[in-house]
Amino acid sequence: MNHRNRESRDQTRHRGCTSGCSSRLSGLVLLVLLAWLLGPSILTAYARWLIVQDTVERADAVVALSGGEGERLHASINLYNQGKASRLLLVGPAIPLLKVYTDNDSLTMGEIRRRIAVRHGVPSDSAIVSLGATSTWEEAQTTLMEARARGWRSITVVTDPFHTRRARATFHKTFHEQPIRIAVYHTPLEHSSSNPRKWWTRERDLMAVMTETVKMVFYAYHHHVYPWS
């Protein structure tokens, strides 16, 4: 009698397990199917969320952040030549190029960018180089120092599309309660090397998006800079 009861209970548990396992398997298949169908849309939406831009009005200065492959400088020069700013501020590290060969007798990237700007129409006395910053946070501090010293009341910050959300949040944090208007600008996507569509299929865009994701977490924890700011 007890043997038959145990067999009955085992069969009941087996049927329950089979039913539960089938439900979980069906749920997993559905989840994979949804990820396959919606994944590209979600990934593209996330990349587009990283990209923000403000209305660009005439400013006292346009600030070209360091980094990138020349796109930031090119966009900054274009804004200046369109009459959107009275000054061009170039910020970034003070490290000489090819230092291992030239010791400290080499030009910095900031000076090279200034010469390029002058060659493309920016008057020499309107192209300002302020070096020493090695991060977006430090670039915002440098910009604030220059703005205070020169009495600027409006600034346009130029960077790459995927960097705009963190850059804007960083500058808003740094310039909080300052009587200085901040706007963030990037090259239009149709002319930019950054592309949010299928970004995960291209190494450059993949690295840019993943880097921004990690840095946003770091900035939120270390500097209390939040991407929705």
C-alpha atoms as a PDB file:
ATOM      1  CA  MET A   1       0.000   0.000   0.000  1.00  0.00           C
ATOM      2  CA  ASN A   2       2.757   2.401   0.967  1.00  0.00           C
ATOM      3  CA  HIS A   3       4.722   1.372  -2.135  1.00  0.00           C
ATOM      4  CA  ARG A   4       1.773   2.198  -4.411  1.00  0.00           C
ATOM      5  CA  ASN A   5       1.277   5.552  -2.668  1.00  0.00           C
ATOM      6  CA  ARG A   6       4.933   6.477  -3.177  1.00  0.00           C
ATOM      7  CA  GLU A   7       4.728   5.537  -6.866  1.00  0.00           C
ATOM      8  CA  SER A   8       1.603   7.684  -7.219  1.00  0.00           C
ATOM      9  CA  ARG A   9       3.299  10.653  -5.547  1.00  0.00           C
ATOM     10  CA  ASP A  10       6.413  10.197  -7.713  1.00  0.00           C
ATOM     11  CA  GLN A  11       4.290  10.146 -10.871  1.00  0.00           C
ATOM     12  CA  THR A  12       2.453  13.282  -9.744  1.00  0.00           C
ATOM     13  CA  ARG A  13       5.740  15.083  -9.046  1.00  0.00           C
ATOM     14  CA  HIS A  14       7.122  13.960 -12.400  1.00  0.00           C
ATOM     15  CA  ARG A  15       4.056  15.303 -14.214  1.00  0.00           C
ATOM     16  CA  GLY A  16       4.359  18.568 -12.259  1.00  0.00           C
ATOM     17  CA  CYS A  17       8.046  18.846 -13.074  1.00  0.00           C
ATOM     18  CA  THR A  18       7.425  18.109 -16.724  1.00  0.00           C
ATOM     19  CA  SER A  19       4.710  20.727 -16.850  1.00  0.00           C
ATOM     20  CA  GLY A  20       6.822  23.298 -14.994  1.00  0.00           C
ATOM     21  CA  CYS A  21       9.913  22.599 -17.087  1.00  0.00           C
ATOM     22  CA  SER A  22       7.899  22.913 -20.269  1.00  0.00           C
ATOM     23  CA  SER A  23       6.521  26.266 -19.090  1.00  0.00           C
ATOM     24  CA  ARG A  24       9.986  27.544 -18.232  1.00  0.00           C
ATOM     25  CA  LEU A  25      11.373  26.328 -21.541  1.00  0.00           C
ATOM     26  CA  SER A  26       8.533  28.010 -23.402  1.00  0.00           C
ATOM     27  CA  GLY A  27       9.201  31.223 -21.482  1.00  0.00           C
ATOM     28  CA  LEU A  28      12.895  31.052 -22.329  1.00  0.00           C
ATOM     29  CA  VAL A  29      12.162  30.484 -26.011  1.00  0.00           C
ATOM     30  CA  LEU A  30       9.761  33.441 -25.977  1.00  0.00           C
ATOM     31  CA  LEU A  31      12.383  35.628 -24.271  1.00  0.00           C
ATOM     32  CA  VAL A  32      15.029  34.687 -26.848  1.00  0.00           C
ATOM     33  CA  LEU A  33      12.550  35.347 -29.654  1.00  0.00           C
ATOM     34  CA  LEU A  34      11.673  38.777 -28.240  1.00  0.00           C
ATOM     35  CA  ALA A  35      15.359  39.613 -27.805  1.00  0.00           C
ATOM     36  CA  TRP A  36      15.996  38.602 -31.407  1.00  0.00           C
ATOM     37  CA  LEU A  37      13.071  40.673 -32.663  1.00  0.00           C
ATOM     38  CA  LEU A  38      13.425  43.715 -30.395  1.00  0.00           C
ATOM     39  CA  GLY A  39      17.150  43.651 -29.622  1.00  0.00           C
ATOM     40  CA  PRO A  40      18.289  45.794 -32.560  1.00  0.00           C
ATOM     41  CA  SER A  41      15.555  48.352 -31.855  1.00  0.00           C
ATOM     42  CA  ILE A  42      16.463  48.532 -28.162  1.00  0.00           C
ATOM     43  CA  LEU A  43      20.191  48.809 -28.860  1.00  0.00           C
ATOM     44  CA  THR A  44      19.627  51.537 -31.441  1.00  0.00           C
ATOM     45  CA  ALA A  45      17.311  53.414 -29.066  1.00  0.00           C
ATOM     46  CA  TYR A  46      19.975  53.279 -26.347  1.00  0.00           C
ATOM     47  CA  ALA A  47      22.626  54.729 -28.667  1.00  0.00           C
ATOM     48  CA  ARG A  48      20.245  57.495 -29.717  1.00  0.00           C
ATOM     49  CA  TRP A  49      19.546  58.230 -26.044  1.00  0.00           C
ATOM     50  CA  LEU A  50      23.253  58.941 -25.580  1.00  0.00           C
ATOM     51  CA  ILE A  51      23.038  61.684 -28.206  1.00  0.00           C
ATOM     52  CA  VAL A  52      21.704  65.081 -27.125  1.00  0.00           C
ATOM     53  CA  GLN A  53      21.998  68.535 -28.630  1.00  0.00           C
ATOM     54  CA  ASP A  54      20.897  71.993 -27.563  1.00  0.00           C
ATOM     55  CA  THR A  55      19.789  74.916 -29.659  1.00  0.00           C
ATOM     56  CA  VAL A  56      22.970  76.686 -30.669  1.00  0.00           C
ATOM     57  CA  GLU A  57      22.828  80.455 -30.368  1.00  0.00           C
ATOM     58  CA  ARG A  58      25.679  82.910 -30.679  1.00  0.00           C
ATOM     59  CA  ALA A  59      28.031  82.439 -27.715  1.00  0.00           C
ATOM     60  CA  ASP A  60      31.033  84.158 -26.240  1.00  0.00           C
ATOM     61  CA  ALA A  61      33.098  81.055 -26.931  1.00  0.00           C
ATOM     62  CA  VAL A  62      32.914  77.669 -28.595  1.00  0.00           C
ATOM     63  CA  VAL A  63      34.841  74.992 -26.689  1.00  0.00           C
ATOM     64  CA  ALA A  64      36.402  72.120 -28.612  1.00  0.00           C
ATOM     65  CA  LEU A  65      36.879  69.183 -26.273  1.00  0.00           C
ATOM     66  CA  SER A  66      39.921  66.995 -26.829  1.00  0.00           C
ATOM     67  CA  GLY A  67      39.784  63.499 -28.252  1.00  0.00           C
ATOM     68  CA  GLY A  68      38.107  62.129 -31.316  1.00  0.00           C
ATOM     69  CA  GLU A  69      39.672  62.104 -34.750  1.00  0.00           C
ATOM     70  CA  GLY A  70      39.335  65.752 -35.682  1.00  0.00           C
ATOM     71  CA  GLU A  71      35.546  65.885 -35.860  1.00  0.00           C
ATOM     72  CA  ARG A  72      35.243  68.020 -32.720  1.00  0.00           C
ATOM     73  CA  LEU A  73      37.762  70.566 -33.977  1.00  0.00           C
ATOM     74  CA  HIS A  74      36.209  70.659 -37.445  1.00  0.00           C
ATOM     75  CA  ALA A  75      32.730  71.310 -36.015  1.00  0.00           C
ATOM     76  CA  SER A  76      34.083  73.996 -33.674  1.00  0.00           C
ATOM     77  CA  ILE A  77      35.863  75.816 -36.497  1.00  0.00           C
ATOM     78  CA  ASN A  78      32.681  75.697 -38.581  1.00  0.00           C
ATOM     79  CA  LEU A  79      30.649  77.244 -35.758  1.00  0.00           C
ATOM     80  CA  TYR A  80      33.202  80.009 -35.330  1.00  0.00           C
ATOM     81  CA  ASN A  81      33.295  80.748 -39.061  1.00  0.00           C
ATOM     82  CA  GLN A  82      29.476  80.848 -39.108  1.00  0.00           C
ATOM     83  CA  GLY A  83      29.609  83.678 -36.573  1.00  0.00           C
ATOM     84  CA  LYS A  84      28.315  81.500 -33.710  1.00  0.00           C
ATOM     85  CA  ALA A  85      31.104  82.480 -31.298  1.00  0.00           C
ATOM     86  CA  SER A  86      33.629  85.243 -30.626  1.00  0.00           C
ATOM     87  CA  ARG A  87      36.365  82.909 -29.381  1.00  0.00           C
ATOM     88  CA  LEU A  88      37.523  79.341 -29.867  1.00  0.00           C
ATOM     89  CA  LEU A  89      38.775  77.603 -26.715  1.00  0.00           C
ATOM     90  CA  LEU A  90      40.849  74.442 -27.128  1.00  0.00           C
ATOM     91  CA  VAL A  91      41.145  72.299 -23.996  1.00  0.00           C
ATOM     92  CA  GLY A  92      42.864  69.001 -23.310  1.00  0.00           C
ATOM     93  CA  PRO A  93      46.068  67.428 -21.971  1.00  0.00           C
ATOM     94  CA  ALA A  94      49.410  69.255 -21.954  1.00  0.00           C
ATOM     95  CA  ILE A  95      51.391  66.181 -23.003  1.00  0.00           C
ATOM     96  CA  PRO A  96      53.887  66.852 -25.814  1.00  0.00           C
ATOM     97  CA  LEU A  97      53.577  64.635 -28.871  1.00  0.00           C
ATOM     98  CA  LEU A  98      56.426  62.146 -29.405  1.00  0.00           C
ATOM     99  CA  LYS A  99      57.761  62.987 -25.949  1.00  0.00           C
ATOM    100  CA  VAL A 100      59.935  59.882 -25.832  1.00  0.00           C
ATOM    101  CA  TYR A 101      61.943  61.237 -28.784  1.00  0.00           C
ATOM    102  CA  THR A 102      61.802  64.987 -28.172  1.00  0.00           C
ATOM    103  CA  ASP A 103      61.670  65.187 -24.374  1.00  0.00           C
ATOM    104  CA  ASN A 104      59.600  68.347 -23.761  1.00  0.00           C
ATOM    105  CA  ASP A 105      60.574  70.000 -27.047  1.00  0.00           C
ATOM    106  CA  SER A 106      57.530  68.731 -28.953  1.00  0.00           C
ATOM    107  CA  LEU A 107      54.277  70.503 -29.764  1.00  0.00           C
ATOM    108  CA  THR A 108      51.211  69.549 -27.785  1.00  0.00           C
ATOM    109  CA  MET A 109      48.061  68.413 -29.538  1.00  0.00           C
ATOM    110  CA  GLY A 110      46.448  71.627 -28.293  1.00  0.00           C
ATOM    111  CA  GLU A 111      48.978  73.769 -30.155  1.00  0.00           C
ATOM    112  CA  ILE A 112      48.595  71.681 -33.299  1.00  0.00           C
ATOM    113  CA  ARG A 113      44.819  72.089 -33.126  1.00  0.00           C
ATOM    114  CA  ARG A 114      45.254  75.852 -32.672  1.00  0.00           C
ATOM    115  CA  ARG A 115      47.437  76.060 -35.794  1.00  0.00           C
ATOM    116  CA  ILE A 116      44.865  74.080 -37.760  1.00  0.00           C
ATOM    117  CA  ALA A 117      42.118  76.446 -36.566  1.00  0.00           C
ATOM    118  CA  VAL A 118      44.137  79.506 -37.609  1.00  0.00           C
ATOM    119  CA  ARG A 119      44.823  77.948 -40.987  1.00  0.00           C
ATOM    120  CA  HIS A 120      41.069  77.470 -41.438  1.00  0.00           C
ATOM    121  CA  GLY A 121      40.040  81.029 -40.727  1.00  0.00           C
ATOM    122  CA  VAL A 122      40.112  81.564 -36.964  1.00  0.00           C
ATOM    123  CA  PRO A 123      42.198  84.658 -36.105  1.00  0.00           C
ATOM    124  CA  SER A 124      45.251  83.823 -34.031  1.00  0.00           C
ATOM    125  CA  ASP A 125      44.154  86.033 -31.147  1.00  0.00           C
ATOM    126  CA  SER A 126      40.723  84.352 -31.101  1.00  0.00           C
ATOM    127  CA  ALA A 127      42.075  80.798 -30.759  1.00  0.00           C
ATOM    128  CA  ILE A 128      42.813  80.166 -27.088  1.00  0.00           C
ATOM    129  CA  VAL A 129      44.669  77.099 -25.812  1.00  0.00           C
ATOM    130  CA  SER A 130      44.192  76.072 -22.167  1.00  0.00           C
ATOM    131  CA  LEU A 131      45.825  72.736 -21.427  1.00  0.00           C
ATOM    132  CA  GLY A 132      46.180  70.384 -18.485  1.00  0.00           C
ATOM    133  CA  ALA A 133      42.817  68.594 -18.468  1.00  0.00           C
ATOM    134  CA  THR A 134      42.878  64.833 -19.033  1.00  0.00           C
ATOM    135  CA  SER A 135      39.158  64.055 -18.704  1.00  0.00           C
ATOM    136  CA  THR A 136      35.771  65.565 -19.474  1.00  0.00           C
ATOM    137  CA  TRP A 137      35.420  66.504 -15.810  1.00  0.00           C
ATOM    138  CA  GLU A 138      38.739  68.389 -15.853  1.00  0.00           C
ATOM    139  CA  GLU A 139      37.901  70.003 -19.196  1.00  0.00           C
ATOM    140  CA  ALA A 140      34.738  71.420 -17.651  1.00  0.00           C
ATOM    141  CA  GLN A 141      36.800  72.796 -14.737  1.00  0.00           C
ATOM    142  CA  THR A 142      39.279  74.363 -17.149  1.00  0.00           C
ATOM    143  CA  THR A 143      36.472  75.918 -19.179  1.00  0.00           C
ATOM    144  CA  LEU A 144      34.900  77.387 -16.039  1.00  0.00           C
ATOM    145  CA  MET A 145      38.250  78.907 -15.040  1.00  0.00           C
ATOM    146  CA  GLU A 146      38.663  80.506 -18.480  1.00  0.00           C
ATOM    147  CA  ALA A 147      35.065  81.736 -18.545  1.00  0.00           C
ATOM    148  CA  ARG A 148      35.437  83.453 -15.177  1.00  0.00           C
ATOM    149  CA  ALA A 149      38.747  85.020 -16.125  1.00  0.00           C
ATOM    150  CA  ARG A 150      37.420  86.346 -19.439  1.00  0.00           C
ATOM    151  CA  GLY A 151      33.918  87.287 -18.359  1.00  0.00           C
ATOM    152  CA  TRP A 152      32.134  84.902 -20.707  1.00  0.00           C
ATOM    153  CA  ARG A 153      28.390  84.494 -20.219  1.00  0.00           C
ATOM    154  CA  SER A 154      27.640  81.887 -22.887  1.00  0.00           C
ATOM    155  CA  ILE A 155      29.510  78.801 -24.105  1.00  0.00           C
ATOM    156  CA  THR A 156      28.926  76.166 -26.763  1.00  0.00           C
ATOM    157  CA  VAL A 157      30.616  72.837 -26.004  1.00  0.00           C
ATOM    158  CA  VAL A 158      31.485  70.709 -29.041  1.00  0.00           C
ATOM    159  CA  THR A 159      32.106  66.974 -28.884  1.00  0.00           C
ATOM    160  CA  ASP A 160      31.240  63.672 -30.595  1.00  0.00           C
ATOM    161  CA  PRO A 161      27.583  62.527 -30.721  1.00  0.00           C
ATOM    162  CA  PHE A 162      27.906  59.576 -28.309  1.00  0.00           C
ATOM    163  CA  HIS A 163      29.777  61.787 -25.803  1.00  0.00           C
ATOM    164  CA  THR A 164      27.188  64.569 -25.697  1.00  0.00           C
ATOM    165  CA  ARG A 165      24.948  63.290 -22.896  1.00  0.00           C
ATOM    166  CA  ARG A 166      27.776  62.807 -20.399  1.00  0.00           C
ATOM    167  CA  ALA A 167      29.503  66.010 -21.503  1.00  0.00           C
ATOM    168  CA  ARG A 168      26.336  68.075 -21.047  1.00  0.00           C
ATOM    169  CA  ALA A 169      25.661  66.580 -17.611  1.00  0.00           C
ATOM    170  CA  THR A 170      29.274  67.243 -16.593  1.00  0.00           C
ATOM    171  CA  PHE A 171      29.227  70.878 -17.715  1.00  0.00           C
ATOM    172  CA  HIS A 172      25.825  71.473 -16.100  1.00  0.00           C
ATOM    173  CA  LYS A 173      27.206  70.095 -12.831  1.00  0.00           C
ATOM    174  CA  THR A 174      30.358  72.204 -13.048  1.00  0.00           C
ATOM    175  CA  PHE A 175      28.563  75.414 -14.058  1.00  0.00           C
ATOM    176  CA  HIS A 176      25.704  74.970 -11.578  1.00  0.00           C
ATOM    177  CA  GLU A 177      24.549  78.362 -10.268  1.00  0.00           C
ATOM    178  CA  GLN A 178      26.992  80.164 -12.571  1.00  0.00           C
ATOM    179  CA  PRO A 179      25.506  82.976 -14.721  1.00  0.00           C
ATOM    180  CA  ILE A 180      26.782  81.252 -17.858  1.00  0.00           C
ATOM    181  CA  ARG A 181      24.612  79.636 -20.518  1.00  0.00           C
ATOM    182  CA  ILE A 182      25.815  76.206 -21.667  1.00  0.00           C
ATOM    183  CA  ALA A 183      24.871  74.544 -24.950  1.00  0.00           C
ATOM    184  CA  VAL A 184      26.176  71.250 -26.332  1.00  0.00           C
ATOM    185  CA  TYR A 185      26.677  70.643 -30.045  1.00  0.00           C
ATOM    186  CA  HIS A 186      27.806  67.778 -32.257  1.00  0.00           C
ATOM    187  CA  THR A 187      28.304  67.356 -35.987  1.00  0.00           C
ATOM    188  CA  PRO A 188      24.986  66.327 -37.623  1.00  0.00           C
ATOM    189  CA  LEU A 189      24.784  62.537 -37.763  1.00  0.00           C
ATOM    190  CA  GLU A 190      24.638  62.460 -41.548  1.00  0.00           C
ATOM    191  CA  HIS A 191      28.099  64.056 -41.578  1.00  0.00           C
ATOM    192  CA  SER A 192      29.469  62.361 -38.462  1.00  0.00           C
ATOM    193  CA  SER A 193      31.632  59.272 -38.176  1.00  0.00           C
ATOM    194  CA  SER A 194      29.326  58.132 -35.340  1.00  0.00           C
ATOM    195  CA  ASN A 195      26.219  56.183 -36.317  1.00  0.00           C
ATOM    196  CA  PRO A 196      23.670  54.854 -33.795  1.00  0.00           C
ATOM    197  CA  ARG A 197      22.178  52.463 -36.358  1.00  0.00           C
ATOM    198  CA  LYS A 198      23.668  48.966 -35.916  1.00  0.00           C
ATOM    199  CA  TRP A 199      26.471  50.445 -33.826  1.00  0.00           C
ATOM    200  CA  TRP A 200      27.247  47.005 -32.357  1.00  0.00           C
ATOM    201  CA  THR A 201      28.420  45.792 -35.787  1.00  0.00           C
ATOM    202  CA  ARG A 202      31.264  48.349 -36.057  1.00  0.00           C
ATOM    203  CA  GLU A 203      34.295  48.331 -33.772  1.00  0.00           C
ATOM    204  CA  ARG A 204      34.641  52.123 -33.484  1.00  0.00           C
ATOM    205  CA  ASP A 205      30.993  52.734 -32.595  1.00  0.00           C
ATOM    206  CA  LEU A 206      30.871  49.675 -30.328  1.00  0.00           C
ATOM    207  CA  MET A 207      33.859  50.914 -28.339  1.00  0.00           C
ATOM    208  CA  ALA A 208      32.407  54.443 -28.151  1.00  0.00           C
ATOM    209  CA  VAL A 209      29.034  53.299 -26.831  1.00  0.00           C
ATOM    210  CA  MET A 210      30.507  50.822 -24.345  1.00  0.00           C
ATOM    211  CA  THR A 211      33.067  53.371 -23.123  1.00  0.00           C
ATOM    212  CA  GLU A 212      30.362  55.971 -22.551  1.00  0.00           C
ATOM    213  CA  THR A 213      28.261  53.430 -20.672  1.00  0.00           C
ATOM    214  CA  VAL A 214      31.122  52.595 -18.289  1.00  0.00           C
ATOM    215  CA  LYS A 215      32.113  56.247 -17.853  1.00  0.00           C
ATOM    216  CA  MET A 216      28.549  57.315 -17.086  1.00  0.00           C
ATOM    217  CA  VAL A 217      28.503  54.838 -14.207  1.00  0.00           C
ATOM    218  CA  PHE A 218      31.900  56.091 -13.009  1.00  0.00           C
ATOM    219  CA  TYR A 219      30.853  59.752 -13.237  1.00  0.00           C
ATOM    220  CA  ALA A 220      27.621  59.083 -11.367  1.00  0.00           C
ATOM    221  CA  TYR A 221      29.516  57.325  -8.563  1.00  0.00           C
ATOM    222  CA  HIS A 222      32.650  59.489  -8.412  1.00  0.00           C
ATOM    223  CA  HIS A 223      31.455  62.974  -9.439  1.00  0.00           C
ATOM    224  CA  HIS A 224      27.690  62.713  -8.805  1.00  0.00           C
ATOM    225  CA  VAL A 225      27.147  63.550 -12.484  1.00  0.00           C
ATOM    226  CA  TYR A 226      23.952  61.898 -13.684  1.00  0.00           C
ATOM    227  CA  PRO A 227      23.077  61.377 -17.374  1.00  0.00           C
ATOM    228  CA  TRP A 228      19.608  62.918 -17.014  1.00  0.00           C
ATOM    229  CA  SER A 229      21.046  66.214 -15.717  1.00  0.00           C
END
